[in-house]
Amino acid sequence: MNNQISDIDQQILILLEKGKKIQEIEIGGLSTKTIYGRIRNLRLEFGVKTNKELLTAYEKITETSKSA
């Protein structure tokens, strides 16, 4: 797994963490379809099936990178 996450993907994950719905996320003019695609790709990269599992995996990575 690649621990490098793009800035846009990080913004999406942060907004999901804050409880935003995917349809409510607005980043740099990206369409909802594009945001869904980016989330799907992140789930594949992290090897998880749900957004909740994705957020848990993301939290573990951010904790690891902060302690390093």
Protein backbone atom coordinates (compact mmCIF):
# COMPACT_ATOMS: atom_id res chain seq x y z
CA MET A 1 0.00 0.00 0.00
CA ASN A 2 1.23 3.44 -0.88
CA ASN A 3 1.15 5.79 2.12
CA GLN A 4 1.21 8.85 -0.12
CA ILE A 5 -2.32 10.25 -0.43
CA SER A 6 -2.98 13.20 -2.71
CA ASP A 7 -4.08 16.50 -1.19
CA ILE A 8 -7.52 16.21 -2.80
CA ASP A 9 -7.99 12.69 -1.45
CA GLN A 10 -6.95 13.90 2.01
CA GLN A 11 -9.49 16.71 1.82
CA ILE A 12 -12.21 14.22 0.85
CA LEU A 13 -11.29 11.92 3.76
CA ILE A 14 -11.22 14.81 6.23
CA LEU A 15 -14.68 15.96 5.12
CA LEU A 16 -16.00 12.39 5.42
CA GLU A 17 -14.52 12.23 8.93
CA LYS A 18 -16.41 15.40 9.82
CA GLY A 19 -19.65 13.71 8.80
CA LYS A 20 -20.15 15.30 5.39
CA LYS A 21 -22.12 13.27 2.88
CA ILE A 22 -20.42 12.60 -0.43
CA GLN A 23 -23.06 14.66 -2.24
CA GLU A 24 -22.22 17.65 -0.02
CA ILE A 25 -18.49 17.61 -0.72
CA GLU A 26 -17.31 20.41 -3.00
CA ILE A 27 -13.62 20.50 -3.83
CA GLY A 28 -12.14 22.44 -6.72
CA GLY A 29 -15.10 21.93 -9.02
CA LEU A 30 -14.90 18.11 -8.91
CA SER A 31 -18.16 16.39 -9.76
CA THR A 32 -19.86 14.05 -7.31
CA LYS A 33 -19.13 11.21 -9.75
CA THR A 34 -15.40 12.01 -9.65
CA ILE A 35 -15.43 12.14 -5.84
CA TYR A 36 -17.19 8.75 -5.70
CA GLY A 37 -14.50 7.39 -8.04
CA ARG A 38 -11.67 8.74 -5.90
CA ILE A 39 -13.23 7.20 -2.78
CA ARG A 40 -13.65 3.87 -4.57
CA ASN A 41 -9.99 3.94 -5.62
CA LEU A 42 -8.92 4.73 -2.05
CA ARG A 43 -10.98 1.81 -0.74
CA LEU A 44 -9.27 -0.47 -3.26
CA GLU A 45 -5.84 0.88 -2.33
CA PHE A 46 -6.48 0.39 1.40
CA GLY A 47 -8.11 -3.00 0.85
CA VAL A 48 -11.37 -2.11 2.59
CA LYS A 49 -15.02 -2.34 1.57
CA THR A 50 -16.79 0.50 3.39
CA ASN A 51 -16.17 4.18 3.92
CA LYS A 52 -16.11 3.59 7.69
CA GLU A 53 -13.29 1.04 7.29
CA LEU A 54 -11.53 3.50 4.97
CA LEU A 55 -11.66 6.24 7.61
CA THR A 56 -10.33 3.84 10.25
CA ALA A 57 -7.41 2.86 7.99
CA TYR A 58 -6.74 6.53 7.19
CA GLU A 59 -6.70 7.41 10.91
CA LYS A 60 -4.14 4.67 11.56
CA ILE A 61 -1.89 6.01 8.80
CA THR A 62 -2.13 9.60 10.02
CA GLU A 63 -1.35 8.49 13.60
CA THR A 64 1.64 6.50 12.35
CA SER A 65 2.97 9.41 10.29
CA LYS A 66 2.55 11.85 13.21
CA SER A 67 4.47 9.60 15.59
CA ALA A 68 7.28 8.96 13.08
